[in-house]
């Protein structure tokens, strides 16, 4: 088949596919990370009201994922995932605004 003459093209295609796979895997992992996050309503002293607890893990994940999705938006390999990246970033920013 004389594949050696296509070596550079094959390497370029392989590198691009690997970088796109990395983006896809990272997005899927980020989304799964939120499945284990739980918030709790705990009584606030004896006031009859409640406060929300469990923000520590969420804030750590949130900050990290906002940075990662922001970087993904500038990746030249984002093409197949641009809508997912944009949507996920908007959700993260909404959560951040809500928590603040």
PDB file of N, CA and C in Angstrom:
ATOM      1  N   UNK A   1       0.822  -1.203   0.000  1.00  0.00           N
ATOM      2  CA  UNK A   1       0.000   0.000   0.000  1.00  0.00           C
ATOM      3  C   UNK A   1       0.861   1.260   0.000  1.00  0.00           C
ATOM      4  N   UNK A   2       2.102   1.112   0.342  1.00  0.00           N
ATOM      5  CA  UNK A   2       3.014   2.247   0.323  1.00  0.00           C
ATOM      6  C   UNK A   2       2.533   3.380   1.237  1.00  0.00           C
ATOM      7  N   UNK A   3       2.220   3.033   2.468  1.00  0.00           N
ATOM      8  CA  UNK A   3       1.703   4.015   3.440  1.00  0.00           C
ATOM      9  C   UNK A   3       2.737   5.060   3.827  1.00  0.00           C
ATOM     10  N   UNK A   4       3.995   4.763   3.610  1.00  0.00           N
ATOM     11  CA  UNK A   4       5.043   5.703   4.007  1.00  0.00           C
ATOM     12  C   UNK A   4       4.880   7.051   3.311  1.00  0.00           C
ATOM     13  N   UNK A   5       4.347   7.063   2.098  1.00  0.00           N
ATOM     14  CA  UNK A   5       4.178   8.342   1.405  1.00  0.00           C
ATOM     15  C   UNK A   5       3.046   9.168   2.026  1.00  0.00           C
ATOM     16  N   UNK A   6       2.212   8.536   2.825  1.00  0.00           N
ATOM     17  CA  UNK A   6       1.104   9.247   3.485  1.00  0.00           C
ATOM     18  C   UNK A   6       1.392   9.508   4.957  1.00  0.00           C
ATOM     19  N   UNK A   7       2.622   9.251   5.357  1.00  0.00           N
ATOM     20  CA  UNK A   7       3.007   9.338   6.766  1.00  0.00           C
ATOM     21  C   UNK A   7       2.636  10.675   7.399  1.00  0.00           C
ATOM     22  N   UNK A   8       2.995  11.781   6.794  1.00  0.00           N
ATOM     23  CA  UNK A   8       2.726  13.101   7.368  1.00  0.00           C
ATOM     24  C   UNK A   8       1.224  13.364   7.482  1.00  0.00           C
ATOM     25  N   UNK A   9       0.491  12.996   6.444  1.00  0.00           N
ATOM     26  CA  UNK A   9      -0.970  13.185   6.484  1.00  0.00           C
ATOM     27  C   UNK A   9      -1.596  12.342   7.590  1.00  0.00           C
ATOM     28  N   UNK A  10      -1.148  11.110   7.709  1.00  0.00           N
ATOM     29  CA  UNK A  10      -1.688  10.220   8.732  1.00  0.00           C
ATOM     30  C   UNK A  10      -1.356  10.713  10.140  1.00  0.00           C
ATOM     31  N   UNK A  11      -0.147  11.215  10.333  1.00  0.00           N
ATOM     32  CA  UNK A  11       0.237  11.763  11.634  1.00  0.00           C
ATOM     33  C   UNK A  11      -0.620  12.979  11.985  1.00  0.00           C
ATOM     34  N   UNK A  12      -0.849  13.843  11.022  1.00  0.00           N
ATOM     35  CA  UNK A  12      -1.662  15.038  11.249  1.00  0.00           C
ATOM     36  C   UNK A  12      -3.099  14.663  11.612  1.00  0.00           C
ATOM     37  N   UNK A  13      -3.658  13.713  10.891  1.00  0.00           N
ATOM     38  CA  UNK A  13      -5.024  13.254  11.167  1.00  0.00           C
ATOM     39  C   UNK A  13      -5.088  12.609  12.554  1.00  0.00           C
ATOM     40  N   UNK A  14      -4.099  11.813  12.886  1.00  0.00           N
ATOM     41  CA  UNK A  14      -4.054  11.154  14.192  1.00  0.00           C
ATOM     42  C   UNK A  14      -3.953  12.148  15.334  1.00  0.00           C
ATOM     43  N   UNK A  15      -3.112  13.169  15.170  1.00  0.00           N
ATOM     44  CA  UNK A  15      -2.954  14.196  16.204  1.00  0.00           C
ATOM     45  C   UNK A  15      -4.247  14.978  16.401  1.00  0.00           C
ATOM     46  N   UNK A  16      -4.892  15.331  15.301  1.00  0.00           N
ATOM     47  CA  UNK A  16      -6.149  16.070  15.388  1.00  0.00           C
ATOM     48  C   UNK A  16      -7.221  15.221  16.075  1.00  0.00           C
ATOM     49  N   UNK A  17      -7.308  13.966  15.691  1.00  0.00           N
ATOM     50  CA  UNK A  17      -8.288  13.063  16.300  1.00  0.00           C
ATOM     51  C   UNK A  17      -8.026  12.899  17.795  1.00  0.00           C
ATOM     52  N   UNK A  18      -6.772  12.798  18.184  1.00  0.00           N
ATOM     53  CA  UNK A  18      -6.422  12.650  19.600  1.00  0.00           C
ATOM     54  C   UNK A  18      -6.819  13.890  20.399  1.00  0.00           C
ATOM     55  N   UNK A  19      -6.608  15.066  19.827  1.00  0.00           N
ATOM     56  CA  UNK A  19      -6.965  16.304  20.527  1.00  0.00           C
ATOM     57  C   UNK A  19      -8.472  16.477  20.612  1.00  0.00           C
ATOM     58  N   UNK A  20      -9.192  16.082  19.573  1.00  0.00           N
ATOM     59  CA  UNK A  20     -10.656  16.130  19.624  1.00  0.00           C
ATOM     60  C   UNK A  20     -11.181  15.125  20.644  1.00  0.00           C
ATOM     61  N   UNK A  21     -10.571  13.953  20.698  1.00  0.00           N
ATOM     62  CA  UNK A  21     -10.967  12.946  21.680  1.00  0.00           C
ATOM     63  C   UNK A  21     -10.733  13.458  23.092  1.00  0.00           C
ATOM     64  N   UNK A  22      -9.636  14.156  23.304  1.00  0.00           N
ATOM     65  CA  UNK A  22      -9.328  14.729  24.614  1.00  0.00           C
ATOM     66  C   UNK A  22     -10.397  15.730  25.034  1.00  0.00           C
ATOM     67  N   UNK A  23     -10.822  16.577  24.116  1.00  0.00           N
ATOM     68  CA  UNK A  23     -11.882  17.541  24.420  1.00  0.00           C
ATOM     69  C   UNK A  23     -13.173  16.813  24.781  1.00  0.00           C
ATOM     70  N   UNK A  24     -13.536  15.831  23.977  1.00  0.00           N
ATOM     71  CA  UNK A  24     -14.765  15.070  24.224  1.00  0.00           C
ATOM     72  C   UNK A  24     -14.717  14.365  25.581  1.00  0.00           C
ATOM     73  N   UNK A  25     -13.606  13.737  25.889  1.00  0.00           N
ATOM     74  CA  UNK A  25     -13.446  13.023  27.158  1.00  0.00           C
ATOM     75  C   UNK A  25     -13.497  13.987  28.337  1.00  0.00           C
ATOM     76  N   UNK A  26     -12.852  15.119  28.201  1.00  0.00           N
ATOM     77  CA  UNK A  26     -12.849  16.116  29.269  1.00  0.00           C
ATOM     78  C   UNK A  26     -14.252  16.650  29.523  1.00  0.00           C
ATOM     79  N   UNK A  27     -14.995  16.944  28.469  1.00  0.00           N
ATOM     80  CA  UNK A  27     -16.376  17.416  28.631  1.00  0.00           C
ATOM     81  C   UNK A  27     -17.233  16.375  29.352  1.00  0.00           C
ATOM     82  N   UNK A  28     -17.131  15.128  28.930  1.00  0.00           N
ATOM     83  CA  UNK A  28     -17.907  14.063  29.566  1.00  0.00           C
ATOM     84  C   UNK A  28     -17.539  13.899  31.037  1.00  0.00           C
ATOM     85  N   UNK A  29     -16.258  13.987  31.345  1.00  0.00           N
ATOM     86  CA  UNK A  29     -15.802  13.870  32.731  1.00  0.00           C
ATOM     87  C   UNK A  29     -16.319  15.033  33.567  1.00  0.00           C
ATOM     88  N   UNK A  30     -16.265  16.241  33.018  1.00  0.00           N
ATOM     89  CA  UNK A  30     -16.750  17.401  33.765  1.00  0.00           C
ATOM     90  C   UNK A  30     -18.226  17.247  34.098  1.00  0.00           C
ATOM     91  N   UNK A  31     -19.005  16.794  33.150  1.00  0.00           N
ATOM     92  CA  UNK A  31     -20.442  16.628  33.383  1.00  0.00           C
ATOM     93  C   UNK A  31     -20.716  15.553  34.433  1.00  0.00           C
ATOM     94  N   UNK A  32     -19.946  14.475  34.385  1.00  0.00           N
ATOM     95  CA  UNK A  32     -20.125  13.399  35.370  1.00  0.00           C
ATOM     96  C   UNK A  32     -19.705  13.829  36.770  1.00  0.00           C
ATOM     97  N   UNK A  33     -18.740  14.741  36.864  1.00  0.00           N
ATOM     98  CA  UNK A  33     -18.293  15.212  38.175  1.00  0.00           C
ATOM     99  C   UNK A  33     -19.424  15.849  38.974  1.00  0.00           C
ATOM    100  N   UNK A  34     -20.387  16.428  38.295  1.00  0.00           N
ATOM    101  CA  UNK A  34     -21.496  17.098  38.982  1.00  0.00           C
ATOM    102  C   UNK A  34     -22.529  16.112  39.512  1.00  0.00           C
ATOM    103  N   UNK A  35     -22.524  14.884  39.028  1.00  0.00           N
ATOM    104  CA  UNK A  35     -23.515  13.908  39.473  1.00  0.00           C
ATOM    105  C   UNK A  35     -23.392  13.600  40.957  1.00  0.00           C
ATOM    106  N   UNK A  36     -22.204  13.672  41.512  1.00  0.00           N
ATOM    107  CA  UNK A  36     -22.000  13.351  42.925  1.00  0.00           C
ATOM    108  C   UNK A  36     -22.123  14.536  43.863  1.00  0.00           C
ATOM    109  N   UNK A  37     -22.345  15.714  43.332  1.00  0.00           N
ATOM    110  CA  UNK A  37     -22.420  16.911  44.174  1.00  0.00           C
ATOM    111  C   UNK A  37     -23.821  17.032  44.753  1.00  0.00           C
ATOM    112  N   UNK A  38     -23.877  17.200  46.055  1.00  0.00           N
ATOM    113  CA  UNK A  38     -25.159  17.354  46.726  1.00  0.00           C
ATOM    114  C   UNK A  38     -25.114  18.579  47.631  1.00  0.00           C
ATOM    115  N   UNK A  39     -26.219  19.274  47.663  1.00  0.00           N
ATOM    116  CA  UNK A  39     -26.386  20.403  48.564  1.00  0.00           C
ATOM    117  C   UNK A  39     -27.376  19.983  49.653  1.00  0.00           C
ATOM    118  N   UNK A  40     -27.194  20.506  50.835  1.00  0.00           N
ATOM    119  CA  UNK A  40     -28.041  20.132  51.954  1.00  0.00           C
ATOM    120  C   UNK A  40     -28.651  21.367  52.589  1.00  0.00           C
ATOM    121  N   UNK A  41     -29.887  21.240  53.003  1.00  0.00           N
ATOM    122  CA  UNK A  41     -30.521  22.291  53.788  1.00  0.00           C
ATOM    123  C   UNK A  41     -30.378  21.907  55.250  1.00  0.00           C
ATOM    124  N   UNK A  42     -29.727  22.772  55.996  1.00  0.00           N
ATOM    125  CA  UNK A  42     -29.531  22.513  57.427  1.00  0.00           C
ATOM    126  C   UNK A  42     -30.186  23.635  58.226  1.00  0.00           C
ATOM    127  N   UNK A  43     -30.754  23.297  59.375  1.00  0.00           N
ATOM    128  CA  UNK A  43     -31.393  24.325  60.200  1.00  0.00           C
ATOM    129  C   UNK A  43     -30.384  25.390  60.612  1.00  0.00           C
ATOM    130  N   UNK A  44     -30.805  26.613  60.569  1.00  0.00           N
ATOM    131  CA  UNK A  44     -29.957  27.734  60.991  1.00  0.00           C
ATOM    132  C   UNK A  44     -30.336  28.109  62.416  1.00  0.00           C
ATOM    133  N   UNK A  45     -29.497  27.681  63.339  1.00  0.00           N
ATOM    134  CA  UNK A  45     -29.713  27.905  64.770  1.00  0.00           C
ATOM    135  C   UNK A  45     -31.130  27.485  65.133  1.00  0.00           C
ATOM    136  N   UNK A  46     -31.817  28.273  65.869  1.00  0.00           N
ATOM    137  CA  UNK A  46     -33.203  27.965  66.250  1.00  0.00           C
ATOM    138  C   UNK A  46     -34.160  28.945  65.597  1.00  0.00           C
ATOM    139  N   UNK A  47     -33.830  29.398  64.391  1.00  0.00           N
ATOM    140  CA  UNK A  47     -34.591  30.460  63.744  1.00  0.00           C
ATOM    141  C   UNK A  47     -35.802  29.939  62.960  1.00  0.00           C
ATOM    142  N   UNK A  48     -35.865  28.644  62.749  1.00  0.00           N
ATOM    143  CA  UNK A  48     -36.944  28.106  61.925  1.00  0.00           C
ATOM    144  C   UNK A  48     -36.655  28.231  60.433  1.00  0.00           C
ATOM    145  N   UNK A  49     -35.477  28.725  60.080  1.00  0.00           N
ATOM    146  CA  UNK A  49     -35.078  28.827  58.677  1.00  0.00           C
ATOM    147  C   UNK A  49     -33.921  27.865  58.419  1.00  0.00           C
ATOM    148  N   UNK A  50     -33.589  27.747  57.170  1.00  0.00           N
ATOM    149  CA  UNK A  50     -32.536  26.821  56.785  1.00  0.00           C
ATOM    150  C   UNK A  50     -31.480  27.550  55.972  1.00  0.00           C
ATOM    151  N   UNK A  51     -30.301  26.976  55.973  1.00  0.00           N
ATOM    152  CA  UNK A  51     -29.227  27.472  55.127  1.00  0.00           C
ATOM    153  C   UNK A  51     -28.734  26.306  54.265  1.00  0.00           C
ATOM    154  N   UNK A  52     -28.184  26.632  53.165  1.00  0.00           N
ATOM    155  CA  UNK A  52     -27.714  25.608  52.230  1.00  0.00           C
ATOM    156  C   UNK A  52     -26.244  25.317  52.511  1.00  0.00           C
ATOM    157  N   UNK A  53     -25.900  24.045  52.594  1.00  0.00           N
ATOM    158  CA  UNK A  53     -24.517  23.636  52.851  1.00  0.00           C
ATOM    159  C   UNK A  53     -24.054  22.719  51.725  1.00  0.00           C
ATOM    160  N   UNK A  54     -22.762  22.519  51.654  1.00  0.00           N
ATOM    161  CA  UNK A  54     -22.196  21.619  50.658  1.00  0.00           C
ATOM    162  C   UNK A  54     -21.586  22.350  49.481  1.00  0.00           C
ATOM    163  N   UNK A  55     -21.258  23.606  49.678  1.00  0.00           N
ATOM    164  CA  UNK A  55     -20.725  24.407  48.577  1.00  0.00           C
ATOM    165  C   UNK A  55     -19.240  24.188  48.316  1.00  0.00           C
ATOM    166  N   UNK A  56     -18.513  23.681  49.282  1.00  0.00           N
ATOM    167  CA  UNK A  56     -17.053  23.578  49.134  1.00  0.00           C
ATOM    168  C   UNK A  56     -16.652  22.773  47.902  1.00  0.00           C
ATOM    169  N   UNK A  57     -17.184  21.564  47.790  1.00  0.00           N
ATOM    170  CA  UNK A  57     -16.848  20.726  46.629  1.00  0.00           C
ATOM    171  C   UNK A  57     -17.321  21.377  45.333  1.00  0.00           C
ATOM    172  N   UNK A  58     -18.531  21.927  45.374  1.00  0.00           N
ATOM    173  CA  UNK A  58     -19.097  22.547  44.168  1.00  0.00           C
ATOM    174  C   UNK A  58     -18.260  23.726  43.710  1.00  0.00           C
ATOM    175  N   UNK A  59     -17.814  24.550  44.631  1.00  0.00           N
ATOM    176  CA  UNK A  59     -17.014  25.722  44.258  1.00  0.00           C
ATOM    177  C   UNK A  59     -15.676  25.327  43.654  1.00  0.00           C
ATOM    178  N   UNK A  60     -15.060  24.285  44.213  1.00  0.00           N
ATOM    179  CA  UNK A  60     -13.785  23.815  43.660  1.00  0.00           C
ATOM    180  C   UNK A  60     -13.962  23.311  42.227  1.00  0.00           C
ATOM    181  N   UNK A  61     -14.981  22.484  42.029  1.00  0.00           N
ATOM    182  CA  UNK A  61     -15.249  21.956  40.693  1.00  0.00           C
ATOM    183  C   UNK A  61     -15.625  23.085  39.740  1.00  0.00           C
ATOM    184  N   UNK A  62     -16.460  23.982  40.214  1.00  0.00           N
ATOM    185  CA  UNK A  62     -16.936  25.092  39.395  1.00  0.00           C
ATOM    186  C   UNK A  62     -15.784  25.954  38.893  1.00  0.00           C
ATOM    187  N   UNK A  63     -14.918  26.378  39.792  1.00  0.00           N
ATOM    188  CA  UNK A  63     -13.786  27.226  39.402  1.00  0.00           C
ATOM    189  C   UNK A  63     -12.898  26.530  38.376  1.00  0.00           C
ATOM    190  N   UNK A  64     -12.601  25.269  38.636  1.00  0.00           N
ATOM    191  CA  UNK A  64     -11.742  24.514  37.726  1.00  0.00           C
ATOM    192  C   UNK A  64     -12.385  24.361  36.345  1.00  0.00           C
ATOM    193  N   UNK A  65     -13.668  24.032  36.329  1.00  0.00           N
ATOM    194  CA  UNK A  65     -14.328  23.785  35.059  1.00  0.00           C
ATOM    195  C   UNK A  65     -14.557  25.060  34.256  1.00  0.00           C
ATOM    196  N   UNK A  66     -14.760  26.175  34.902  1.00  0.00           N
ATOM    197  CA  UNK A  66     -14.885  27.445  34.172  1.00  0.00           C
ATOM    198  C   UNK A  66     -13.583  27.748  33.435  1.00  0.00           C
ATOM    199  N   UNK A  67     -12.473  27.509  34.087  1.00  0.00           N
ATOM    200  CA  UNK A  67     -11.165  27.746  33.455  1.00  0.00           C
ATOM    201  C   UNK A  67     -10.961  26.798  32.277  1.00  0.00           C
ATOM    202  N   UNK A  68     -11.295  25.525  32.470  1.00  0.00           N
ATOM    203  CA  UNK A  68     -11.087  24.523  31.417  1.00  0.00           C
ATOM    204  C   UNK A  68     -11.971  24.811  30.200  1.00  0.00           C
ATOM    205  N   UNK A  69     -13.261  25.110  30.445  1.00  0.00           N
ATOM    206  CA  UNK A  69     -14.143  25.373  29.307  1.00  0.00           C
ATOM    207  C   UNK A  69     -13.774  26.674  28.603  1.00  0.00           C
ATOM    208  N   UNK A  70     -13.279  27.637  29.340  1.00  0.00           N
ATOM    209  CA  UNK A  70     -12.830  28.880  28.705  1.00  0.00           C
ATOM    210  C   UNK A  70     -11.656  28.601  27.773  1.00  0.00           C
ATOM    211  N   UNK A  71     -10.741  27.754  28.212  1.00  0.00           N
ATOM    212  CA  UNK A  71      -9.597  27.388  27.367  1.00  0.00           C
ATOM    213  C   UNK A  71     -10.056  26.591  26.145  1.00  0.00           C
ATOM    214  N   UNK A  72     -11.031  25.720  26.331  1.00  0.00           N
ATOM    215  CA  UNK A  72     -11.541  24.924  25.214  1.00  0.00           C
ATOM    216  C   UNK A  72     -12.142  25.801  24.120  1.00  0.00           C
ATOM    217  N   UNK A  73     -12.731  26.905  24.512  1.00  0.00           N
ATOM    218  CA  UNK A  73     -13.377  27.788  23.539  1.00  0.00           C
ATOM    219  C   UNK A  73     -12.375  28.375  22.551  1.00  0.00           C
ATOM    220  N   UNK A  74     -11.108  28.372  22.903  1.00  0.00           N
ATOM    221  CA  UNK A  74     -10.075  28.915  22.018  1.00  0.00           C
ATOM    222  C   UNK A  74      -9.283  27.820  21.306  1.00  0.00           C
ATOM    223  N   UNK A  75      -9.646  26.576  21.538  1.00  0.00           N
ATOM    224  CA  UNK A  75      -8.928  25.467  20.915  1.00  0.00           C
ATOM    225  C   UNK A  75      -9.267  25.372  19.422  1.00  0.00           C
ATOM    226  N   UNK A  76      -8.271  25.175  18.583  1.00  0.00           N
ATOM    227  CA  UNK A  76      -8.555  24.992  17.156  1.00  0.00           C
ATOM    228  C   UNK A  76      -9.214  23.639  16.862  1.00  0.00           C
ATOM    229  N   UNK A  77      -9.318  22.775  17.870  1.00  0.00           N
ATOM    230  CA  UNK A  77      -9.880  21.440  17.689  1.00  0.00           C
ATOM    231  C   UNK A  77     -11.281  21.308  18.287  1.00  0.00           C
ATOM    232  N   UNK A  78     -11.897  22.426  18.620  1.00  0.00           N
ATOM    233  CA  UNK A  78     -13.205  22.419  19.277  1.00  0.00           C
ATOM    234  C   UNK A  78     -14.367  22.171  18.315  1.00  0.00           C
ATOM    235  N   UNK A  79     -14.127  22.235  17.023  1.00  0.00           N
ATOM    236  CA  UNK A  79     -15.156  22.193  15.989  1.00  0.00           C
ATOM    237  C   UNK A  79     -16.368  21.322  16.259  1.00  0.00           C
ATOM    238  N   UNK A  80     -16.194  20.008  16.451  1.00  0.00           N
ATOM    239  CA  UNK A  80     -17.358  19.141  16.631  1.00  0.00           C
ATOM    240  C   UNK A  80     -18.088  19.364  17.959  1.00  0.00           C
ATOM    241  N   UNK A  81     -17.460  20.086  18.880  1.00  0.00           N
ATOM    242  CA  UNK A  81     -18.002  20.229  20.229  1.00  0.00           C
ATOM    243  C   UNK A  81     -18.326  21.670  20.602  1.00  0.00           C
ATOM    244  N   UNK A  82     -18.275  22.578  19.644  1.00  0.00           N
ATOM    245  CA  UNK A  82     -18.413  23.998  19.957  1.00  0.00           C
ATOM    246  C   UNK A  82     -19.740  24.298  20.657  1.00  0.00           C
ATOM    247  N   UNK A  83     -20.824  23.682  20.216  1.00  0.00           N
ATOM    248  CA  UNK A  83     -22.117  23.937  20.858  1.00  0.00           C
ATOM    249  C   UNK A  83     -22.147  23.396  22.283  1.00  0.00           C
ATOM    250  N   UNK A  84     -21.604  22.211  22.486  1.00  0.00           N
ATOM    251  CA  UNK A  84     -21.570  21.608  23.822  1.00  0.00           C
ATOM    252  C   UNK A  84     -20.693  22.423  24.755  1.00  0.00           C
ATOM    253  N   UNK A  85     -19.547  22.870  24.266  1.00  0.00           N
ATOM    254  CA  UNK A  85     -18.644  23.683  25.083  1.00  0.00           C
ATOM    255  C   UNK A  85     -19.333  24.983  25.488  1.00  0.00           C
ATOM    256  N   UNK A  86     -19.960  25.646  24.540  1.00  0.00           N
ATOM    257  CA  UNK A  86     -20.639  26.918  24.815  1.00  0.00           C
ATOM    258  C   UNK A  86     -21.771  26.718  25.817  1.00  0.00           C
ATOM    259  N   UNK A  87     -22.573  25.701  25.602  1.00  0.00           N
ATOM    260  CA  UNK A  87     -23.703  25.428  26.499  1.00  0.00           C
ATOM    261  C   UNK A  87     -23.212  25.096  27.911  1.00  0.00           C
ATOM    262  N   UNK A  88     -22.189  24.264  28.015  1.00  0.00           N
ATOM    263  CA  UNK A  88     -21.662  23.882  29.323  1.00  0.00           C
ATOM    264  C   UNK A  88     -21.065  25.094  30.038  1.00  0.00           C
ATOM    265  N   UNK A  89     -20.349  25.930  29.316  1.00  0.00           N
ATOM    266  CA  UNK A  89     -19.762  27.124  29.914  1.00  0.00           C
ATOM    267  C   UNK A  89     -20.854  28.059  30.425  1.00  0.00           C
ATOM    268  N   UNK A  90     -21.924  28.217  29.677  1.00  0.00           N
ATOM    269  CA  UNK A  90     -23.040  29.066  30.116  1.00  0.00           C
ATOM    270  C   UNK A  90     -23.689  28.516  31.380  1.00  0.00           C
ATOM    271  N   UNK A  91     -23.829  27.202  31.456  1.00  0.00           N
ATOM    272  CA  UNK A  91     -24.397  26.586  32.664  1.00  0.00           C
ATOM    273  C   UNK A  91     -23.496  26.822  33.870  1.00  0.00           C
ATOM    274  N   UNK A  92     -22.192  26.664  33.673  1.00  0.00           N
ATOM    275  CA  UNK A  92     -21.256  26.885  34.757  1.00  0.00           C
ATOM    276  C   UNK A  92     -21.301  28.336  35.256  1.00  0.00           C
ATOM    277  N   UNK A  93     -21.363  29.262  34.315  1.00  0.00           N
ATOM    278  CA  UNK A  93     -21.430  30.671  34.703  1.00  0.00           C
ATOM    279  C   UNK A  93     -22.736  30.992  35.417  1.00  0.00           C
ATOM    280  N   UNK A  94     -23.827  30.371  35.009  1.00  0.00           N
ATOM    281  CA  UNK A  94     -25.097  30.550  35.697  1.00  0.00           C
ATOM    282  C   UNK A  94     -25.031  30.029  37.124  1.00  0.00           C
ATOM    283  N   UNK A  95     -24.449  28.872  37.300  1.00  0.00           N
ATOM    284  CA  UNK A  95     -24.275  28.306  38.657  1.00  0.00           C
ATOM    285  C   UNK A  95     -23.407  29.246  39.489  1.00  0.00           C
ATOM    286  N   UNK A  96     -22.337  29.743  38.912  1.00  0.00           N
ATOM    287  CA  UNK A  96     -21.443  30.662  39.626  1.00  0.00           C
ATOM    288  C   UNK A  96     -22.195  31.929  40.050  1.00  0.00           C
ATOM    289  N   UNK A  97     -22.956  32.494  39.135  1.00  0.00           N
ATOM    290  CA  UNK A  97     -23.731  33.700  39.474  1.00  0.00           C
ATOM    291  C   UNK A  97     -24.757  33.410  40.550  1.00  0.00           C
ATOM    292  N   UNK A  98     -25.396  32.260  40.473  1.00  0.00           N
ATOM    293  CA  UNK A  98     -26.420  31.888  41.458  1.00  0.00           C
ATOM    294  C   UNK A  98     -25.802  31.719  42.849  1.00  0.00           C
ATOM    295  N   UNK A  99     -24.664  31.068  42.921  1.00  0.00           N
ATOM    296  CA  UNK A  99     -24.008  30.858  44.210  1.00  0.00           C
ATOM    297  C   UNK A  99     -23.544  32.176  44.811  1.00  0.00           C
ATOM    298  N   UNK A 100     -23.023  33.050  43.971  1.00  0.00           N
ATOM    299  CA  UNK A 100     -22.559  34.348  44.473  1.00  0.00           C
ATOM    300  C   UNK A 100     -23.731  35.148  44.977  1.00  0.00           C
TER     301      UNK A 100
END
